[in-house]
Protein backbone atom coordinates (compact mmCIF):
# COMPACT_ATOMS: atom_id res chain seq x y z
CA MET A 1 -5.81 14.45 -11.82
CA HIS A 2 -7.27 17.27 -9.75
CA ILE A 3 -5.26 19.66 -7.59
CA LYS A 4 -6.29 18.03 -4.28
CA GLN A 5 -5.10 14.65 -5.57
CA ALA A 6 -1.83 16.18 -6.77
CA VAL A 7 -1.28 17.87 -3.38
CA ALA A 8 -1.86 14.57 -1.57
CA ALA A 9 0.46 12.70 -3.93
CA ARG A 10 3.16 15.34 -3.49
CA ILE A 11 2.99 15.14 0.31
CA ILE A 12 3.31 11.37 0.16
CA GLN A 13 6.17 11.63 -2.34
CA LEU A 14 8.10 14.10 -0.18
CA CYS A 15 7.58 12.03 2.95
CA GLN A 16 8.80 8.90 1.17
CA GLU A 17 11.90 10.73 -0.11
CA ARG A 18 12.71 11.72 3.47
CA SER A 19 11.66 8.39 5.06
CA LEU A 20 9.23 10.43 7.11
CA ALA A 21 5.98 9.04 8.50
CA ILE A 22 2.83 11.13 8.11
CA ASN A 23 2.52 11.49 11.89
CA ALA A 24 6.13 12.70 12.05
CA LEU A 25 5.37 15.31 9.38
CA ALA A 26 2.35 16.43 11.39
CA ASN A 27 4.51 16.80 14.51
CA LEU A 28 7.28 18.66 12.67
CA SER A 29 4.85 21.04 11.00
CA GLY A 30 2.50 21.67 13.92
CA VAL A 31 -0.48 20.52 11.86
CA PRO A 32 -2.85 18.03 13.50
CA SER A 33 -2.37 14.56 12.07
CA SER A 34 -6.13 14.40 11.43
CA THR A 35 -5.77 17.41 9.12
CA VAL A 36 -2.89 15.82 7.23
CA TYR A 37 -4.83 12.57 6.83
CA SER A 38 -7.89 14.54 5.64
CA ILE A 39 -5.74 16.07 2.92
CA LEU A 40 -4.29 12.70 1.95
CA ASN A 41 -7.69 10.99 1.88
CA SER A 42 -9.23 13.81 -0.20
CA LYS A 43 -11.71 14.57 2.60
CA SER A 44 -10.31 18.08 2.75
CA MET A 45 -11.74 19.72 -0.35
CA ASN A 46 -9.46 22.74 -0.12
CA PRO A 47 -6.29 22.52 1.99
CA GLY A 48 -5.49 26.08 2.96
CA VAL A 49 -2.32 27.83 1.94
CA VAL A 50 -1.37 28.35 5.60
CA THR A 51 -1.63 24.60 6.21
CA LEU A 52 0.45 23.90 3.09
CA GLN A 53 3.04 26.43 4.27
CA LYS A 54 3.25 24.71 7.66
CA LEU A 55 3.70 21.33 5.97
CA CYS A 56 6.42 22.81 3.78
CA ASP A 57 8.11 24.21 6.89
CA GLY A 58 8.00 20.72 8.41
CA LEU A 59 9.52 19.31 5.22
CA ASP A 60 12.09 22.15 5.17
CA ILE A 61 11.11 23.28 1.68
CA SER A 62 9.47 26.36 0.19
CA ILE A 63 6.00 26.52 -1.31
CA ARG A 64 7.72 26.97 -4.69
CA GLU A 65 9.62 23.72 -4.18
CA PHE A 66 6.41 21.97 -3.15
CA PHE A 67 4.66 22.87 -6.40
CA ASP A 68 7.77 22.34 -8.53
CA SER A 69 6.75 18.83 -9.58
CA PRO A 70 5.42 17.20 -12.74
CA LEU A 71 2.38 16.22 -10.64
CA PHE A 72 1.09 19.76 -11.12
CA ASP A 73 1.58 19.85 -14.89
CA GLY A 74 -1.61 19.51 -16.91
CA LEU A 75 -4.08 19.43 -14.03
CA GLU A 76 -7.74 19.14 -14.92
CA GLN A 77 -9.73 22.35 -14.86
CA GLU A 78 -11.55 22.77 -11.54
CA ILE A 79 -14.30 25.10 -12.81
CA ASN A 80 -17.39 23.25 -13.96
């Protein structure tokens, strides 16, 4: 799994845990829903840290909590 796939999976996981729709997360975080869907569909090659922080704010968690998941263990190397 690559980092962008892990980020997308983590967003989905957190939304499911909170019974939160993707559009609701977008509204809570102030991030356009098109941006959130781009991240989830892997169209966004590099979701920015500011966008991730806004999503975390909408989820009421810290960046540390976001990345504190087994999804981020053993990621494939991104440098080719």
